[in-house]
Amino acid sequence: MSLRHYVIAWLLILPTWGVVFACMDLYRRRRNFTHLRETVDIIKGSSVVLFILLDIMFLLHDIIVSRFVAVSFLVC
């Protein structure tokens, strides 16, 4: 497995992350929400981005990323 796969995955995931978080309206002020609610929303958004990345990897067959890296991405 080469570093090229991870660089391509990273370049795909960064804009996707921004678009998904913007669509889920996570960049607005949340004065009336609890920290738990905001944390749950961020976890939901990150999960959606992870599933999109896994779909892209499945469709392209050219990007290979280990399960450890995918789970680490979700945790981060």
Protein backbone atom coordinates (compact mmCIF):
# COMPACT_ATOMS: atom_id res chain seq x y z
CA MET A 1 0.00 0.00 0.00
CA SER A 2 1.51 3.30 -1.00
CA LEU A 3 1.30 6.77 0.38
CA ARG A 4 -0.46 7.81 -2.84
CA HIS A 5 -3.68 6.08 -1.72
CA TYR A 6 -3.75 8.01 1.53
CA VAL A 7 -3.04 11.35 -0.17
CA ILE A 8 -5.83 10.80 -2.69
CA ALA A 9 -8.23 9.79 0.08
CA TRP A 10 -7.27 12.87 2.10
CA LEU A 11 -7.79 15.16 -0.88
CA LEU A 12 -11.22 13.64 -1.47
CA ILE A 13 -12.29 13.76 2.14
CA LEU A 14 -11.41 17.37 3.03
CA PRO A 15 -13.82 19.10 0.63
CA THR A 16 -16.46 16.43 1.31
CA TRP A 17 -16.18 17.08 5.03
CA GLY A 18 -16.71 20.81 4.54
CA VAL A 19 -19.69 20.33 2.22
CA VAL A 20 -21.41 17.81 4.50
CA PHE A 21 -20.88 19.94 7.60
CA ALA A 22 -22.20 23.00 5.76
CA CYS A 23 -25.26 21.06 4.55
CA MET A 24 -25.93 19.85 8.08
CA ASP A 25 -25.64 23.48 9.24
CA LEU A 26 -22.88 22.72 11.73
CA TYR A 27 -21.05 26.01 11.16
CA ARG A 28 -23.74 28.23 12.68
CA ARG A 29 -23.93 29.50 16.24
CA ARG A 30 -25.53 27.11 18.67
CA ARG A 31 -26.26 29.06 21.81
CA ASN A 32 -29.36 27.08 22.75
CA PHE A 33 -27.87 23.62 22.21
CA THR A 34 -26.12 21.53 24.82
CA HIS A 35 -22.61 20.22 24.34
CA LEU A 36 -24.01 16.70 24.06
CA ARG A 37 -26.33 17.69 21.21
CA GLU A 38 -23.51 19.40 19.34
CA THR A 39 -21.20 16.41 19.85
CA VAL A 40 -23.87 14.03 18.53
CA ASP A 41 -24.37 16.24 15.45
CA ILE A 42 -20.61 16.27 14.76
CA ILE A 43 -20.48 12.48 15.10
CA LYS A 44 -23.40 12.16 12.67
CA GLY A 45 -21.68 14.45 10.17
CA SER A 46 -18.38 12.60 10.45
CA SER A 47 -20.17 9.27 9.98
CA VAL A 48 -21.84 10.54 6.81
CA VAL A 49 -18.46 11.68 5.48
CA LEU A 50 -16.91 8.30 6.31
CA PHE A 51 -19.68 6.48 4.45
CA ILE A 52 -19.21 8.76 1.45
CA LEU A 53 -15.47 8.03 1.48
CA LEU A 54 -16.11 4.29 1.68
CA ASP A 55 -18.57 4.56 -1.23
CA ILE A 56 -16.05 6.44 -3.34
CA MET A 57 -13.37 3.86 -2.56
CA PHE A 58 -15.76 1.04 -3.48
CA LEU A 59 -16.72 2.66 -6.78
CA LEU A 60 -13.22 3.63 -7.89
CA HIS A 61 -11.37 0.46 -6.82
CA ASP A 62 -8.18 2.51 -7.15
CA ILE A 63 -8.06 3.89 -3.61
CA ILE A 64 -7.17 1.41 -0.90
CA VAL A 65 -7.25 2.57 2.71
CA SER A 66 -7.02 0.25 5.68
CA ARG A 67 -9.88 -0.19 8.12
CA PHE A 68 -7.68 1.20 10.87
CA VAL A 69 -7.25 4.47 8.96
CA ALA A 70 -11.01 4.70 8.30
CA VAL A 71 -11.84 4.16 11.98
CA SER A 72 -9.10 6.59 13.03
CA PHE A 73 -10.62 9.18 10.72
CA LEU A 74 -14.01 8.72 12.35
CA VAL A 75 -12.54 9.03 15.84
CA CYS A 76 -10.57 12.17 14.96
